[in-house]
Amino acid sequence: MPYFVVTDFKGGLNRNRMATTAAPGTLRTLRDAHINRGGEVEKRKAFTAWRNLPPNTVGLAAVGGVLYAFGTPVAPSMPAPVVYQRLVPSDGSSVTRILDAKTFAGSLYVTARCSNNAVRHFYDGVQINAWTGQIPAEHGWIVLPFNANVYVASGSTLYRSGTDTPTNWNISTTGAAFFDMSSQAQGSEALTGLAEYQSGMAIFSRRTTQIWAFSADPAASAKAQTLRNTGCVSPRTCTAYAGTDVFFLGDSGIRSLRARDITDSPSAADVGTPVDDLVGEWLRTASADDLEQAHAIIEPADGRYWLMLGGTAYVFSYFPASKISAWSTYTLPGVAVATVAVDRSVYQRVGDTVFLYGGDDGDTYDATEAVAELAFLDGRQIATWKRWGGIDVAAEGAWDAYVALQPSAPDVEDLIATLSGATFHQLDTPMLGEGPVAKLRFVSTGATAARLGAVAAHYERAA
């Protein structure tokens, strides 16, 4: 009996093409799993409830391996090892949301929204007030420490603190300056993101991206390039990645700045194309608050990019030596207000609970179902009627296997079997049915690790 084999899943989640014409090995759904270095589907670890924070605290950040939460009241009783940093606005208001938190010289530079809707800046827990000549900078909350200065985007202007003095923005201070981006490129009237790009900085608006080279002498700073029709809609999603890229969320989906091979000049790359339809659905209904809360990190253990959109993380697995560039999704415990990487661990705040990915030992799993749904398989003979006889898998852990045989009703499926481990030595698990194509869906079972490495579908041509 002939058979068709999917030897790996390097394409990951890819919705570029219809389910009947997609490349074999690409997945219509890859949820609560990712692609590992070998091109296999691998179930994600558990998000375990780690600490409950007092209700009058906000945000989550880290510096020097220490986790911080914030608030205005006198320090509440905090669960160790989380540290409380008190932020007291000078106008008598209270901090209600942490907008951005970055590390500069071993301390946290924080921008916060207050109960009177004002934005305030704090460094090492103390409000910054030295804004002489740059008062509008205080209203901006998009922050990027870069070289020996802190930069803040406010309106169309990029403001810079004094050199090695993040608390002093007085224009007479050495290094302090401002740059009007709208005078450099049309479409930069409202800045939406900042990110380090190679030796310079990418400065985003919604439709335009400028690349700048900044010098210690403000007068020697200059724009290097403008990219049209490429921009960011969510400031906290701008993340330097793999040394040469910047990933960000744009109106058309997840995009990146990537250097051209020869010229080394940046261009916009459609890295998120495989998941554009899914991300686009979220963008169509996203509010201004949703875009403000969206954020991204680089997961430290495997270098994956995590983009948090509502209660879903879009996860990018990139292993160039194995030619793997694959998307998947994680279902989060809720809408995360902050996600922080510390050493090899990832902490995420949802409401007043901090979750730890993988638990304290970094290797904890739960009963979350990993789902891998393949495109329709046709054995390279899409117009040939087939009698499907069975499947085999290379797997670890237990998986429920389902099959659908009608492209017009892809959700009408039958449970074939619950498979545990590899089945090739059994010379196929029965899968009885007829049709030109077959779609397989695998769902992990149990609270253990699980992997899916290859699938073989057996068939014979029907008379």
Foldseek 3Di string as FASTA:
>chain_A
DDWDKDQAQLAAQFPLDALLPDDFNHFVAWEQWWQDLQRWTWHFFDFAFDAFFDQQWEDWEDFPLAIEIEWADDDDDGDPPYHYQHAHDPVRWMFDYWLDWDDDPRWIWTWTQTPVRAIWIDINNYTADQQAVNVQQRRFGAWDDAQQWIWTFGFQKIWIAAGVCHSHQHCPHQQTDMDRNCVVDPQSRGWAEWDDAQQWIWTFDQFKIWTKHDDSHNVPIDTDDMDGRDGADAHQAFYDAPNHKTWGAHQQGIWIWGQDPPPRHTDIDPLVNRCRVVRNVLSVPDDSVQSSQWHWDQQPPQRWIWTQRWQKTWIWHDDVVSPHTYIHMYGHPGRWSDWYHRDNWIWTDDNRTIIIGCPPVNPWFAFDKGKTKHRWDQVVCQPFKKWWFFKWWAKAAKKFKWKDADSVCRPDIDTQDIDHHTCVVVVGRGDGDMHRIMIMMIIGGDRHMMITRMMMIDIDTDD
